[in-house]
Amino acid sequence: MEPDSAAFCSCPFVSLAFGPLTFTKASSKRPSTKRFGPEKKRFEHLAFLNLAQNVFCLNWSFIMIKIWSNGGDGAPWWSYWSAGITNTIGPAMGIEALKYISYPAQVLAKSSKMIPVMLMGTLVYGIRYTFPEYLCTLLVAGGVSMFALSKTSSKTISKLAHPNAPLGYGLCFLNLAFDGFTNATQDSITARYPKTSAWNIMLGMNIWGTIYNMIFMFGWPNAIGFEAIQFCKQHPEVAWDIFLYCLCGAIGQNFIFLTISRFGSLTNTTITTTRKFVSIVVSSLLSGNPLSYKQWGSVVMVFSGLSYQIYLKWRKLQRMQRKKKAM
């Protein structure tokens, strides 16, 4: 596939993943902020969302493989065990952070995801990036830092279960570290097994995610999974929120793994991080999370870094195309 064709073909993945992923992330905060029943209780077991999505996406990918895949020499399911560990722990920390910081703060903190992707790719797998690529990630990191140091409105703080900015940001950055290893490992697997399909990746990751989350949620008496099930029985409306989260997550994961398998994890990170900017705007306008001028400046700084990264990718594709024409 020609470079320009690859860039063009990624556009459908962007548009098709954008809606479901934005709604998925918005719906993930509903159980953490919404109050259920006459007692006005919160759904405190947010890690249960990851297990529910793992099970849903495992079945989804299995069906997709049976319908669309021709079989072949894709990566074996057991090769995802290490990425499955970090992909289980990382998102759980990200969701848990919503108890302590606002949704826009969590989204913006996780927008610096390119940094651990690059660091893990360089340190673990020997991938080399250019200075301009590191520069644009520093712009993102600077914007996140400015946002974190800005004062959050009292209206936003009142919606949090347990306001604690240091803990919330700490969980987000641990999430990023684990995500960096996950993405670098996925790139390594697709390089070793070029015929691996997006649904093979989705199946392998969610098999291990289901195993690890089942052990964590139900591995001993009085584990938190039993409390989550009991809460859903007492408040059936939370089950609907969880179902919507899982459905949109499954649709979004289709296009995430299609992007990873065809264009690499850094391209996927750029797409999903751009979507996060849109979700910040939507959250601020529709969900009552007002941002100060300084915080909006931080958001613009982050998005500038992302735009610069997209420009660098376009220039790289142009150089590759010229080299091919010259040969």
Protein backbone atom coordinates (compact mmCIF):
# COMPACT_ATOMS: atom_id res chain seq x y z
CA MET A 1 0.00 0.00 0.00
CA GLU A 2 1.31 3.44 -0.95
CA PRO A 3 1.97 5.83 1.96
CA ASP A 4 -0.66 8.29 0.84
CA SER A 5 -3.12 5.44 0.39
CA ALA A 6 -2.34 4.22 3.91
CA ALA A 7 -2.93 7.68 5.31
CA PHE A 8 -6.17 7.98 3.33
CA CYS A 9 -7.38 4.52 4.34
CA SER A 10 -6.90 5.37 8.01
CA CYS A 11 -9.62 8.05 7.69
CA PRO A 12 -12.56 5.59 7.85
CA PHE A 13 -11.07 4.10 11.02
CA VAL A 14 -10.88 7.60 12.51
CA SER A 15 -14.47 8.49 11.69
CA LEU A 16 -15.99 5.12 12.60
CA ALA A 17 -14.11 4.81 15.88
CA PHE A 18 -14.63 8.44 16.87
CA GLY A 19 -18.32 8.27 17.82
CA PRO A 20 -18.34 4.98 19.76
CA LEU A 21 -15.09 5.76 21.58
CA THR A 22 -16.22 9.23 22.59
CA PHE A 23 -19.49 7.82 23.91
CA THR A 24 -17.62 4.97 25.63
CA LYS A 25 -15.39 7.33 27.55
CA ALA A 26 -18.30 9.58 28.42
CA SER A 27 -20.34 6.59 29.61
CA SER A 28 -17.43 5.30 31.73
CA LYS A 29 -17.75 8.35 33.97
CA ARG A 30 -21.53 7.97 34.42
CA PRO A 31 -21.36 5.24 37.10
CA SER A 32 -18.66 7.20 38.96
CA THR A 33 -20.68 10.45 39.11
CA LYS A 34 -24.29 9.26 38.89
CA ARG A 35 -26.20 8.41 42.07
CA PHE A 36 -28.56 5.42 42.15
CA GLY A 37 -31.66 4.61 44.16
CA PRO A 38 -33.34 6.56 46.97
CA GLU A 39 -30.13 6.28 49.02
CA LYS A 40 -28.25 8.16 46.25
CA LYS A 41 -25.41 5.62 46.24
CA ARG A 42 -22.49 5.70 43.83
CA PHE A 43 -21.23 2.68 41.92
CA GLU A 44 -17.80 2.42 43.59
CA HIS A 45 -16.56 -0.74 41.81
CA LEU A 46 -15.32 0.86 38.59
CA ALA A 47 -12.81 -1.93 37.90
CA PHE A 48 -15.85 -4.12 37.23
CA LEU A 49 -16.37 -2.10 34.01
CA ASN A 50 -13.12 -3.52 32.64
CA LEU A 51 -14.18 -7.11 33.32
CA ALA A 52 -17.59 -6.53 31.72
CA GLN A 53 -15.96 -5.03 28.64
CA ASN A 54 -13.38 -7.84 28.42
CA VAL A 55 -16.14 -10.48 28.39
CA PHE A 56 -18.24 -8.54 25.89
CA CYS A 57 -15.30 -7.87 23.54
CA LEU A 58 -14.05 -11.47 23.85
CA ASN A 59 -17.36 -12.76 22.53
CA TRP A 60 -17.54 -10.01 19.90
CA SER A 61 -14.06 -10.79 18.49
CA PHE A 62 -14.78 -14.54 18.50
CA ILE A 63 -17.91 -13.95 16.42
CA MET A 64 -16.04 -11.61 14.04
CA ILE A 65 -13.29 -14.22 13.51
CA LYS A 66 -15.86 -16.90 12.73
CA ILE A 67 -17.70 -14.64 10.28
CA TRP A 68 -14.90 -12.75 8.53
CA SER A 69 -11.52 -14.35 9.23
CA ASN A 70 -10.00 -16.95 6.90
CA GLY A 71 -7.80 -18.37 9.66
CA GLY A 72 -4.09 -18.46 8.85
CA ASP A 73 -0.84 -17.77 10.60
CA GLY A 74 -1.84 -15.06 13.06
CA ALA A 75 -0.23 -14.67 16.46
CA PRO A 76 -1.25 -17.43 18.92
CA TRP A 77 -3.55 -16.31 21.72
CA TRP A 78 -1.02 -17.16 24.44
CA SER A 79 1.51 -14.65 23.02
CA TYR A 80 -0.57 -11.80 24.46
CA TRP A 81 -0.15 -12.85 28.11
CA SER A 82 2.29 -10.06 29.07
CA ALA A 83 0.43 -7.34 27.19
CA GLY A 84 -2.76 -8.71 28.78
CA ILE A 85 -1.38 -8.04 32.27
CA THR A 86 -0.51 -4.41 31.58
CA ASN A 87 -3.70 -3.89 29.57
CA THR A 88 -5.70 -5.14 32.56
CA ILE A 89 -3.97 -3.06 35.23
CA GLY A 90 -3.57 0.15 33.19
CA PRO A 91 -7.22 0.86 32.21
CA ALA A 92 -8.38 -0.12 35.72
CA MET A 93 -6.16 2.64 37.12
CA GLY A 94 -7.46 5.11 34.54
CA ILE A 95 -11.10 4.41 35.43
CA GLU A 96 -10.33 4.48 39.17
CA ALA A 97 -8.80 7.96 38.71
CA LEU A 98 -12.31 9.31 37.94
CA LYS A 99 -13.06 9.07 41.66
CA TYR A 100 -10.35 11.64 42.38
CA ILE A 101 -10.08 14.01 39.39
CA SER A 102 -12.54 15.36 36.82
CA TYR A 103 -13.12 13.71 33.46
CA PRO A 104 -11.40 16.51 31.45
CA ALA A 105 -8.39 16.29 33.79
CA GLN A 106 -8.19 12.51 33.35
CA VAL A 107 -8.53 12.74 29.56
CA LEU A 108 -5.87 15.44 29.30
CA ALA A 109 -3.45 13.55 31.54
CA LYS A 110 -3.86 10.44 29.41
CA SER A 111 -3.26 12.51 26.26
CA SER A 112 0.47 12.30 26.99
CA LYS A 113 0.26 8.63 26.09
CA MET A 114 2.72 9.08 23.20
CA ILE A 115 5.56 9.63 25.69
CA PRO A 116 5.50 6.14 27.27
CA VAL A 117 4.78 4.59 23.85
CA MET A 118 7.97 6.18 22.54
CA LEU A 119 10.00 5.46 25.67
CA MET A 120 8.92 1.82 25.87
CA GLY A 121 9.42 1.40 22.13
CA THR A 122 12.97 2.77 22.41
CA LEU A 123 14.04 1.09 25.66
CA VAL A 124 12.35 -2.30 25.22
CA TYR A 125 12.28 -2.85 21.46
CA GLY A 126 14.98 -0.49 20.10
CA ILE A 127 12.60 1.66 18.02
CA ARG A 128 14.12 5.05 17.10
CA TYR A 129 12.17 8.31 17.02
CA THR A 130 13.26 11.77 15.86
CA PHE A 131 13.85 14.88 17.97
CA PRO A 132 10.76 16.67 16.52
CA GLU A 133 8.61 13.70 17.59
CA TYR A 134 9.90 14.02 21.14
CA LEU A 135 9.37 17.80 20.95
CA CYS A 136 5.68 17.45 20.15
CA THR A 137 5.20 15.02 23.04
CA LEU A 138 6.83 17.57 25.36
CA LEU A 139 4.25 20.13 24.21
CA VAL A 140 1.56 17.66 25.22
CA ALA A 141 3.22 16.96 28.58
CA GLY A 142 3.61 20.71 29.24
CA GLY A 143 -0.07 21.31 28.56
CA VAL A 144 -1.06 18.48 30.89
CA SER A 145 1.17 19.91 33.62
CA MET A 146 -0.33 23.39 33.24
CA PHE A 147 -3.83 21.93 33.45
CA ALA A 148 -2.94 19.96 36.58
CA LEU A 149 -1.60 23.08 38.30
CA SER A 150 -4.69 25.15 37.41
CA LYS A 151 -7.48 25.59 39.94
CA THR A 152 -10.51 23.34 39.36
CA SER A 153 -13.98 24.84 39.76
CA SER A 154 -15.96 24.01 42.90
CA LYS A 155 -18.84 22.74 40.73
CA THR A 156 -16.57 20.11 39.16
CA ILE A 157 -15.05 19.11 42.51
CA SER A 158 -18.51 18.61 44.05
CA LYS A 159 -19.21 15.82 41.52
CA LEU A 160 -16.18 13.73 42.53
CA ALA A 161 -16.53 10.81 44.93
CA HIS A 162 -13.21 11.44 46.71
CA PRO A 163 -11.41 14.59 45.41
CA ASN A 164 -7.66 13.94 45.52
CA ALA A 165 -5.68 15.41 42.61
CA PRO A 166 -2.24 13.88 43.41
CA LEU A 167 -3.72 10.38 43.67
CA GLY A 168 -5.86 10.84 40.55
CA TYR A 169 -2.98 12.08 38.40
CA GLY A 170 -0.70 9.41 39.85
CA LEU A 171 -3.14 6.70 38.75
CA CYS A 172 -3.34 8.27 35.27
CA PHE A 173 0.43 8.29 34.81
CA LEU A 174 0.74 4.70 36.02
CA ASN A 175 -1.97 3.91 33.46
CA LEU A 176 0.21 5.56 30.80
CA ALA A 177 3.29 3.56 31.79
CA PHE A 178 1.40 0.27 31.48
CA ASP A 179 -0.19 1.41 28.19
CA GLY A 180 3.25 2.19 26.81
CA PHE A 181 4.38 -1.39 27.39
CA THR A 182 1.08 -2.75 26.01
CA ASN A 183 1.32 -0.80 22.74
CA ALA A 184 5.00 -1.57 22.21
CA THR A 185 4.31 -5.28 22.80
CA GLN A 186 1.40 -5.24 20.32
CA ASP A 187 3.69 -3.69 17.70
CA SER A 188 6.28 -6.40 18.38
CA ILE A 189 3.67 -9.17 18.00
CA THR A 190 2.29 -7.81 14.71
CA ALA A 191 5.88 -7.49 13.40
CA ARG A 192 6.62 -11.15 14.27
CA TYR A 193 3.27 -12.37 12.94
CA PRO A 194 2.41 -10.13 9.94
CA LYS A 195 -0.78 -12.06 9.15
CA THR A 196 -2.30 -11.25 12.53
CA SER A 197 -5.72 -9.65 12.07
CA ALA A 198 -7.31 -6.96 14.21
CA TRP A 199 -9.74 -9.53 15.61
CA ASN A 200 -6.87 -11.87 16.53
CA ILE A 201 -5.37 -9.05 18.60
CA MET A 202 -8.74 -8.23 20.11
CA LEU A 203 -9.38 -11.88 20.99
CA GLY A 204 -5.93 -12.46 22.51
CA MET A 205 -5.98 -9.29 24.60
CA ASN A 206 -9.50 -9.89 25.92
CA ILE A 207 -8.89 -13.58 26.75
CA TRP A 208 -6.09 -12.58 29.11
CA GLY A 209 -7.99 -9.53 30.33
CA THR A 210 -10.95 -11.73 31.25
CA ILE A 211 -8.72 -14.24 33.06
CA TYR A 212 -6.85 -11.60 35.08
CA ASN A 213 -9.96 -9.57 35.91
CA MET A 214 -11.92 -12.67 36.95
CA ILE A 215 -9.14 -13.60 39.38
CA PHE A 216 -9.02 -10.03 40.73
CA MET A 217 -12.79 -9.59 41.00
CA PHE A 218 -13.85 -13.09 42.14
CA GLY A 219 -10.65 -14.88 43.20
CA TRP A 220 -11.41 -15.05 46.92
CA PRO A 221 -14.40 -14.85 49.30
CA ASN A 222 -15.87 -11.35 49.67
CA ALA A 223 -13.93 -10.06 46.64
CA ILE A 224 -15.19 -6.78 45.20
CA GLY A 225 -16.77 -8.48 42.17
CA PHE A 226 -19.48 -9.98 44.39
CA GLU A 227 -20.27 -6.50 45.75
CA ALA A 228 -20.51 -5.12 42.20
CA ILE A 229 -22.96 -7.86 41.19
CA GLN A 230 -25.04 -7.19 44.30
CA PHE A 231 -25.14 -3.46 43.52
CA CYS A 232 -26.35 -4.19 39.97
CA LYS A 233 -29.13 -6.41 41.37
CA GLN A 234 -30.24 -3.66 43.73
CA HIS A 235 -29.96 -0.91 41.09
CA PRO A 236 -30.72 -2.41 37.64
CA GLU A 237 -30.30 0.98 35.95
CA VAL A 238 -26.52 0.77 36.42
CA ALA A 239 -26.53 -2.44 34.38
CA TRP A 240 -27.86 -0.47 31.39
CA ASP A 241 -25.02 2.04 31.70
CA ILE A 242 -22.53 -0.84 31.82
CA PHE A 243 -24.10 -2.47 28.74
CA LEU A 244 -23.85 0.76 26.72
CA TYR A 245 -20.23 1.15 27.84
CA CYS A 246 -19.42 -2.41 26.69
CA LEU A 247 -21.26 -2.12 23.36
CA CYS A 248 -19.56 1.11 22.35
CA GLY A 249 -16.25 -0.24 23.64
CA ALA A 250 -16.54 -3.34 21.43
CA ILE A 251 -17.29 -1.24 18.34
CA GLY A 252 -14.45 1.13 19.18
CA GLN A 253 -12.00 -1.70 19.83
CA ASN A 254 -12.67 -3.07 16.33
CA PHE A 255 -11.23 0.06 14.78
CA ILE A 256 -8.49 0.47 17.39
CA PHE A 257 -7.09 -2.97 16.61
CA LEU A 258 -7.61 -2.52 12.85
CA THR A 259 -5.50 0.63 13.13
CA ILE A 260 -2.81 -1.09 15.22
CA SER A 261 -2.59 -4.08 12.90
CA ARG A 262 -2.33 -1.94 9.73
CA PHE A 263 -0.65 1.31 10.78
CA GLY A 264 1.03 0.72 14.19
CA SER A 265 0.27 1.83 17.74
CA LEU A 266 1.66 5.37 17.42
CA THR A 267 -0.84 6.15 14.64
CA ASN A 268 -3.58 4.69 16.79
CA THR A 269 -2.44 6.82 19.73
CA THR A 270 -2.60 9.97 17.60
CA ILE A 271 -6.14 9.17 16.45
CA THR A 272 -7.50 8.31 19.89
CA THR A 273 -5.79 11.27 21.55
CA THR A 274 -7.34 13.66 19.01
CA ARG A 275 -10.70 12.13 19.87
CA LYS A 276 -9.99 12.92 23.52
CA PHE A 277 -9.77 16.63 22.70
CA VAL A 278 -13.28 16.45 21.24
CA SER A 279 -14.54 14.59 24.33
CA ILE A 280 -13.12 17.33 26.59
CA VAL A 281 -15.09 19.95 24.66
CA VAL A 282 -18.25 17.81 24.72
CA SER A 283 -17.85 17.12 28.44
CA SER A 284 -17.31 20.80 29.22
CA LEU A 285 -20.29 21.96 27.18
CA LEU A 286 -22.82 19.22 27.96
CA SER A 287 -21.82 17.66 31.27
CA GLY A 288 -21.22 20.73 33.40
CA ASN A 289 -17.43 20.54 33.76
CA PRO A 290 -16.51 24.24 33.29
CA LEU A 291 -12.88 25.03 32.43
CA SER A 292 -10.97 28.25 33.19
CA TYR A 293 -9.17 30.26 30.51
CA LYS A 294 -5.85 28.84 31.72
CA GLN A 295 -7.20 25.30 31.44
CA TRP A 296 -8.47 25.97 27.92
CA GLY A 297 -4.98 27.28 27.10
CA SER A 298 -3.56 23.99 28.34
CA VAL A 299 -5.99 22.07 26.13
CA VAL A 300 -4.91 24.15 23.10
CA MET A 301 -1.23 23.48 23.96
CA VAL A 302 -1.88 19.73 24.05
CA PHE A 303 -3.77 19.82 20.78
CA SER A 304 -0.98 21.87 19.17
CA GLY A 305 1.47 19.10 20.05
CA LEU A 306 -0.85 16.52 18.53
CA SER A 307 -1.30 18.58 15.37
CA TYR A 308 2.48 18.93 15.04
CA GLN A 309 2.82 15.16 15.34
CA ILE A 310 0.28 14.64 12.54
CA TYR A 311 2.24 17.11 10.37
CA LEU A 312 5.47 15.18 11.02
CA LYS A 313 3.78 11.96 9.96
CA TRP A 314 2.55 13.60 6.75
CA ARG A 315 6.07 14.82 5.93
CA LYS A 316 7.48 11.35 6.57
CA LEU A 317 4.92 9.79 4.22
CA GLN A 318 5.81 12.33 1.53
CA ARG A 319 9.52 11.46 1.81
CA MET A 320 8.77 7.74 1.58
CA GLN A 321 6.65 8.31 -1.51
CA ARG A 322 9.40 10.32 -3.23
CA LYS A 323 11.97 7.60 -2.47
CA LYS A 324 9.74 4.93 -3.99
CA LYS A 325 9.23 7.00 -7.13
CA ALA A 326 12.99 7.55 -7.45
CA MET A 327 13.75 3.78 -7.30
